[in-house]
Amino acid sequence: ADGLYRGPSRGHVDEERARLIGLPRGYGYGASMGAGVLDYVAAWAGPEGFIRHSRIQYRFPPFEGDLTLVDGTVVDTRHDETLGRDVVTVEVVMTTQDGAVMAKGPVEVELP
């Protein structure tokens, strides 16, 4: 079994198997959701930014065919004397087209 098409994770790509565990259709991986959030924040921070820490909570599966929207708000800024850099906290929310919150949480970013 390869783990995706023939194995325990095949509900991700097989609608029939997804329904066996109570989901209406295929769904994405949490790790991909986390990567999407980090990519969003890294693009915002630019090439000199550095992601220090994230605490993203996965709350709703990303279903096949749904739209994924990512939004972030800077909720804290401070200067880290040890680093000699500014550090910001971005509160990120990932939602579907219907407003269901798929993932959310803070991401700390060092800025030049």
N, C-alpha and C. Protein backbone atom coordinates (compact mmCIF):
# COMPACT_ATOMS: atom_id res chain seq x y z
N ALA A 1 0.84 -1.18 0.00
CA ALA A 1 0.00 0.00 0.00
C ALA A 1 0.88 1.23 0.00
N ASP A 2 0.53 2.18 -0.82
CA ASP A 2 1.34 3.39 -0.92
C ASP A 2 0.94 4.43 0.10
N GLY A 3 -0.17 4.21 0.82
CA GLY A 3 -0.60 5.14 1.85
C GLY A 3 -1.54 6.21 1.37
N LEU A 4 -1.63 6.44 0.07
CA LEU A 4 -2.55 7.46 -0.43
C LEU A 4 -3.65 6.81 -1.25
N TYR A 5 -3.30 6.14 -2.34
CA TYR A 5 -4.31 5.54 -3.19
C TYR A 5 -4.73 4.16 -2.70
N ARG A 6 -3.85 3.49 -1.96
CA ARG A 6 -4.14 2.17 -1.42
C ARG A 6 -3.61 2.09 0.00
N GLY A 7 -4.33 2.61 0.91
CA GLY A 7 -3.88 2.57 2.29
C GLY A 7 -4.75 3.42 3.18
N PRO A 8 -4.30 3.64 4.38
CA PRO A 8 -5.13 4.33 5.37
C PRO A 8 -5.46 5.79 5.04
N SER A 9 -4.68 6.41 4.19
CA SER A 9 -4.93 7.83 3.88
C SER A 9 -5.73 8.02 2.60
N ARG A 10 -6.27 6.97 2.03
CA ARG A 10 -6.92 7.13 0.73
C ARG A 10 -8.21 7.94 0.76
N GLY A 11 -8.75 8.23 1.95
CA GLY A 11 -9.90 9.11 2.06
C GLY A 11 -9.59 10.51 1.55
N HIS A 12 -8.30 10.85 1.52
CA HIS A 12 -7.90 12.16 1.00
C HIS A 12 -8.25 12.31 -0.48
N VAL A 13 -8.19 11.22 -1.23
CA VAL A 13 -8.41 11.30 -2.67
C VAL A 13 -9.57 10.45 -3.18
N ASP A 14 -10.17 9.64 -2.30
CA ASP A 14 -11.24 8.74 -2.69
C ASP A 14 -12.52 9.13 -1.94
N GLU A 15 -13.50 9.66 -2.68
CA GLU A 15 -14.73 10.15 -2.05
C GLU A 15 -15.45 9.06 -1.27
N GLU A 16 -15.48 7.85 -1.79
CA GLU A 16 -16.15 6.75 -1.09
C GLU A 16 -15.50 6.49 0.26
N ARG A 17 -14.18 6.48 0.29
CA ARG A 17 -13.46 6.25 1.55
C ARG A 17 -13.61 7.44 2.50
N ALA A 18 -13.66 8.63 1.96
CA ALA A 18 -13.87 9.81 2.80
C ALA A 18 -15.23 9.71 3.50
N ARG A 19 -16.22 9.26 2.78
CA ARG A 19 -17.56 9.14 3.37
C ARG A 19 -17.61 8.07 4.46
N LEU A 20 -16.76 7.06 4.35
CA LEU A 20 -16.72 6.02 5.38
C LEU A 20 -16.29 6.59 6.74
N ILE A 21 -15.51 7.64 6.72
CA ILE A 21 -15.08 8.23 7.99
C ILE A 21 -15.88 9.50 8.33
N GLY A 22 -16.95 9.75 7.57
CA GLY A 22 -17.85 10.84 7.91
C GLY A 22 -17.61 12.17 7.21
N LEU A 23 -16.78 12.17 6.18
CA LEU A 23 -16.52 13.40 5.43
C LEU A 23 -17.20 13.32 4.07
N PRO A 24 -17.70 14.44 3.55
CA PRO A 24 -18.50 14.40 2.33
C PRO A 24 -17.72 14.15 1.04
N ARG A 25 -16.43 14.45 1.03
CA ARG A 25 -15.61 14.24 -0.18
C ARG A 25 -14.14 14.29 0.21
N GLY A 26 -13.27 14.13 -0.78
CA GLY A 26 -11.83 14.16 -0.53
C GLY A 26 -11.42 15.43 0.19
N TYR A 27 -10.33 15.34 0.90
CA TYR A 27 -9.89 16.47 1.72
C TYR A 27 -8.36 16.55 1.70
N GLY A 28 -7.83 17.70 2.05
CA GLY A 28 -6.39 17.94 2.02
C GLY A 28 -5.71 17.53 3.30
N TYR A 29 -4.41 17.64 3.28
CA TYR A 29 -3.58 17.31 4.43
C TYR A 29 -3.34 18.53 5.30
N GLY A 30 -3.32 18.35 6.62
CA GLY A 30 -3.03 19.44 7.54
C GLY A 30 -1.67 20.05 7.30
N ALA A 31 -0.69 19.23 6.96
CA ALA A 31 0.66 19.75 6.72
C ALA A 31 0.66 20.73 5.55
N SER A 32 -0.16 20.49 4.56
CA SER A 32 -0.26 21.41 3.42
C SER A 32 -0.91 22.72 3.84
N MET A 33 -1.87 22.65 4.76
CA MET A 33 -2.48 23.87 5.27
C MET A 33 -1.44 24.70 6.01
N GLY A 34 -0.64 24.05 6.84
CA GLY A 34 0.40 24.74 7.57
C GLY A 34 1.42 25.36 6.65
N ALA A 35 1.79 24.64 5.60
CA ALA A 35 2.75 25.17 4.62
C ALA A 35 2.16 26.38 3.91
N GLY A 36 0.86 26.35 3.62
CA GLY A 36 0.21 27.49 2.97
C GLY A 36 0.24 28.74 3.84
N VAL A 37 0.00 28.56 5.13
CA VAL A 37 0.05 29.69 6.06
C VAL A 37 1.46 30.26 6.13
N LEU A 38 2.45 29.39 6.29
CA LEU A 38 3.84 29.86 6.38
C LEU A 38 4.29 30.54 5.09
N ASP A 39 3.87 30.02 3.95
CA ASP A 39 4.21 30.63 2.67
C ASP A 39 3.60 32.03 2.57
N TYR A 40 2.37 32.17 3.01
CA TYR A 40 1.68 33.47 3.00
C TYR A 40 2.44 34.49 3.84
N VAL A 41 2.80 34.11 5.07
CA VAL A 41 3.49 35.03 5.96
C VAL A 41 4.90 35.32 5.45
N ALA A 42 5.59 34.30 4.94
CA ALA A 42 6.94 34.51 4.42
C ALA A 42 6.93 35.47 3.22
N ALA A 43 5.93 35.35 2.37
CA ALA A 43 5.82 36.28 1.22
C ALA A 43 5.57 37.70 1.72
N TRP A 44 4.76 37.84 2.76
CA TRP A 44 4.50 39.16 3.33
C TRP A 44 5.78 39.74 3.94
N ALA A 45 6.55 38.91 4.66
CA ALA A 45 7.76 39.36 5.35
C ALA A 45 8.88 39.73 4.39
N GLY A 46 8.89 39.13 3.21
CA GLY A 46 9.91 39.43 2.22
C GLY A 46 11.18 38.62 2.43
N PRO A 47 12.15 38.81 1.55
CA PRO A 47 13.36 37.98 1.58
C PRO A 47 14.23 38.18 2.82
N GLU A 48 14.09 39.29 3.51
CA GLU A 48 14.89 39.54 4.71
C GLU A 48 14.15 39.15 5.99
N GLY A 49 12.88 38.77 5.87
CA GLY A 49 12.11 38.35 7.03
C GLY A 49 12.45 36.92 7.41
N PHE A 50 12.13 36.56 8.64
CA PHE A 50 12.42 35.22 9.13
C PHE A 50 11.30 34.79 10.07
N ILE A 51 10.68 33.66 9.79
CA ILE A 51 9.62 33.14 10.65
C ILE A 51 10.27 32.46 11.85
N ARG A 52 9.97 32.98 13.04
CA ARG A 52 10.55 32.43 14.27
C ARG A 52 9.72 31.28 14.83
N HIS A 53 8.42 31.46 14.81
CA HIS A 53 7.56 30.49 15.48
C HIS A 53 6.13 30.61 14.95
N SER A 54 5.43 29.49 14.87
CA SER A 54 4.01 29.54 14.53
C SER A 54 3.24 28.59 15.43
N ARG A 55 2.00 28.92 15.67
CA ARG A 55 1.12 28.07 16.49
C ARG A 55 -0.24 28.01 15.80
N ILE A 56 -0.25 27.40 14.63
CA ILE A 56 -1.46 27.30 13.82
C ILE A 56 -2.28 26.09 14.28
N GLN A 57 -3.57 26.31 14.50
CA GLN A 57 -4.49 25.23 14.88
C GLN A 57 -5.35 24.88 13.68
N TYR A 58 -5.42 23.60 13.35
CA TYR A 58 -6.26 23.13 12.25
C TYR A 58 -7.66 22.86 12.81
N ARG A 59 -8.68 23.48 12.19
CA ARG A 59 -10.03 23.40 12.75
C ARG A 59 -11.08 22.80 11.82
N PHE A 60 -10.80 22.78 10.52
CA PHE A 60 -11.81 22.32 9.56
C PHE A 60 -11.05 21.79 8.34
N PRO A 61 -11.44 20.65 7.80
CA PRO A 61 -10.68 20.09 6.68
C PRO A 61 -10.83 20.90 5.38
N PRO A 62 -9.75 20.98 4.61
CA PRO A 62 -9.82 21.63 3.30
C PRO A 62 -10.38 20.63 2.27
N PHE A 63 -11.65 20.76 1.92
CA PHE A 63 -12.28 19.82 1.00
C PHE A 63 -11.93 20.13 -0.44
N GLU A 64 -11.85 19.06 -1.23
CA GLU A 64 -11.63 19.23 -2.66
C GLU A 64 -12.72 20.12 -3.24
N GLY A 65 -12.32 21.06 -4.08
CA GLY A 65 -13.28 21.95 -4.74
C GLY A 65 -13.58 23.22 -3.98
N ASP A 66 -13.17 23.31 -2.72
CA ASP A 66 -13.41 24.53 -1.95
C ASP A 66 -12.31 25.55 -2.20
N LEU A 67 -12.66 26.80 -2.03
CA LEU A 67 -11.72 27.90 -2.12
C LEU A 67 -11.04 28.08 -0.77
N THR A 68 -9.76 28.40 -0.79
CA THR A 68 -9.02 28.67 0.45
C THR A 68 -8.60 30.12 0.44
N LEU A 69 -9.02 30.86 1.46
CA LEU A 69 -8.66 32.27 1.60
C LEU A 69 -7.79 32.43 2.84
N VAL A 70 -6.71 33.19 2.71
CA VAL A 70 -5.80 33.42 3.84
C VAL A 70 -5.72 34.91 4.09
N ASP A 71 -5.84 35.28 5.36
CA ASP A 71 -5.77 36.69 5.74
C ASP A 71 -4.93 36.79 7.01
N GLY A 72 -4.19 37.87 7.13
CA GLY A 72 -3.36 38.06 8.31
C GLY A 72 -3.44 39.49 8.81
N THR A 73 -3.33 39.64 10.13
CA THR A 73 -3.35 40.94 10.77
C THR A 73 -2.19 41.02 11.76
N VAL A 74 -1.42 42.10 11.68
CA VAL A 74 -0.35 42.30 12.66
C VAL A 74 -1.01 42.70 13.98
N VAL A 75 -0.79 41.89 15.02
CA VAL A 75 -1.43 42.15 16.31
C VAL A 75 -0.44 42.58 17.38
N ASP A 76 0.87 42.48 17.10
CA ASP A 76 1.86 42.90 18.08
C ASP A 76 3.16 43.23 17.36
N THR A 77 3.85 44.27 17.85
CA THR A 77 5.19 44.62 17.35
C THR A 77 6.08 44.91 18.54
N ARG A 78 7.33 44.50 18.43
CA ARG A 78 8.29 44.78 19.50
C ARG A 78 9.70 44.73 18.92
N HIS A 79 10.62 45.30 19.64
CA HIS A 79 12.02 45.26 19.22
C HIS A 79 12.76 44.29 20.12
N ASP A 80 13.45 43.32 19.53
CA ASP A 80 14.23 42.35 20.29
C ASP A 80 15.67 42.83 20.33
N GLU A 81 16.11 43.30 21.48
CA GLU A 81 17.47 43.84 21.63
C GLU A 81 18.53 42.77 21.38
N THR A 82 18.26 41.54 21.78
CA THR A 82 19.21 40.46 21.58
C THR A 82 19.49 40.24 20.09
N LEU A 83 18.44 40.28 19.30
CA LEU A 83 18.57 40.07 17.85
C LEU A 83 18.92 41.36 17.11
N GLY A 84 18.55 42.47 17.72
CA GLY A 84 18.72 43.74 17.02
C GLY A 84 17.73 43.89 15.87
N ARG A 85 16.61 43.21 16.00
CA ARG A 85 15.59 43.24 14.94
C ARG A 85 14.21 43.45 15.54
N ASP A 86 13.30 43.91 14.70
CA ASP A 86 11.90 44.01 15.11
C ASP A 86 11.24 42.65 14.93
N VAL A 87 10.33 42.34 15.83
CA VAL A 87 9.58 41.09 15.77
C VAL A 87 8.10 41.47 15.78
N VAL A 88 7.35 40.89 14.86
CA VAL A 88 5.92 41.12 14.81
C VAL A 88 5.19 39.80 14.96
N THR A 89 3.98 39.88 15.48
CA THR A 89 3.10 38.71 15.53
C THR A 89 1.96 38.95 14.56
N VAL A 90 1.80 38.02 13.64
CA VAL A 90 0.74 38.09 12.65
C VAL A 90 -0.30 37.02 13.01
N GLU A 91 -1.52 37.45 13.23
CA GLU A 91 -2.63 36.51 13.48
C GLU A 91 -3.19 36.13 12.12
N VAL A 92 -3.07 34.85 11.78
CA VAL A 92 -3.48 34.37 10.46
C VAL A 92 -4.76 33.55 10.57
N VAL A 93 -5.66 33.75 9.62
CA VAL A 93 -6.90 32.99 9.55
C VAL A 93 -7.07 32.46 8.13
N MET A 94 -7.28 31.15 8.01
CA MET A 94 -7.54 30.51 6.73
C MET A 94 -8.99 30.06 6.72
N THR A 95 -9.76 30.53 5.73
CA THR A 95 -11.19 30.21 5.66
C THR A 95 -11.56 29.63 4.30
N THR A 96 -12.76 29.06 4.25
CA THR A 96 -13.32 28.60 2.98
C THR A 96 -14.16 29.73 2.38
N GLN A 97 -14.68 29.49 1.20
CA GLN A 97 -15.55 30.47 0.55
C GLN A 97 -16.84 30.70 1.34
N ASP A 98 -17.18 29.76 2.21
CA ASP A 98 -18.39 29.88 3.03
C ASP A 98 -18.12 30.48 4.40
N GLY A 99 -16.86 30.81 4.67
CA GLY A 99 -16.50 31.42 5.96
C GLY A 99 -16.10 30.44 7.05
N ALA A 100 -16.06 29.14 6.75
CA ALA A 100 -15.62 28.17 7.76
C ALA A 100 -14.13 28.38 8.02
N VAL A 101 -13.75 28.44 9.29
CA VAL A 101 -12.35 28.64 9.65
C VAL A 101 -11.63 27.30 9.60
N MET A 102 -10.71 27.18 8.66
CA MET A 102 -9.95 25.94 8.48
C MET A 102 -8.72 25.90 9.38
N ALA A 103 -8.07 27.03 9.55
CA ALA A 103 -6.88 27.11 10.39
C ALA A 103 -6.72 28.54 10.88
N LYS A 104 -6.14 28.68 12.06
CA LYS A 104 -5.87 30.02 12.56
C LYS A 104 -4.81 29.95 13.64
N GLY A 105 -4.15 31.08 13.84
CA GLY A 105 -3.17 31.15 14.91
C GLY A 105 -2.12 32.20 14.65
N PRO A 106 -1.26 32.43 15.64
CA PRO A 106 -0.22 33.45 15.52
C PRO A 106 1.05 32.92 14.87
N VAL A 107 1.71 33.82 14.15
CA VAL A 107 3.02 33.52 13.56
C VAL A 107 3.94 34.69 13.93
N GLU A 108 5.08 34.39 14.56
CA GLU A 108 6.06 35.41 14.91
C GLU A 108 7.09 35.52 13.81
N VAL A 109 7.37 36.78 13.42
CA VAL A 109 8.26 37.03 12.30
C VAL A 109 9.29 38.10 12.69
N GLU A 110 10.57 37.81 12.41
CA GLU A 110 11.61 38.82 12.55
C GLU A 110 11.67 39.62 11.26
N LEU A 111 11.75 40.93 11.40
CA LEU A 111 11.85 41.83 10.24
C LEU A 111 13.14 42.63 10.33
N PRO A 112 13.72 42.98 9.18
CA PRO A 112 14.96 43.77 9.20
C PRO A 112 14.72 45.19 9.72
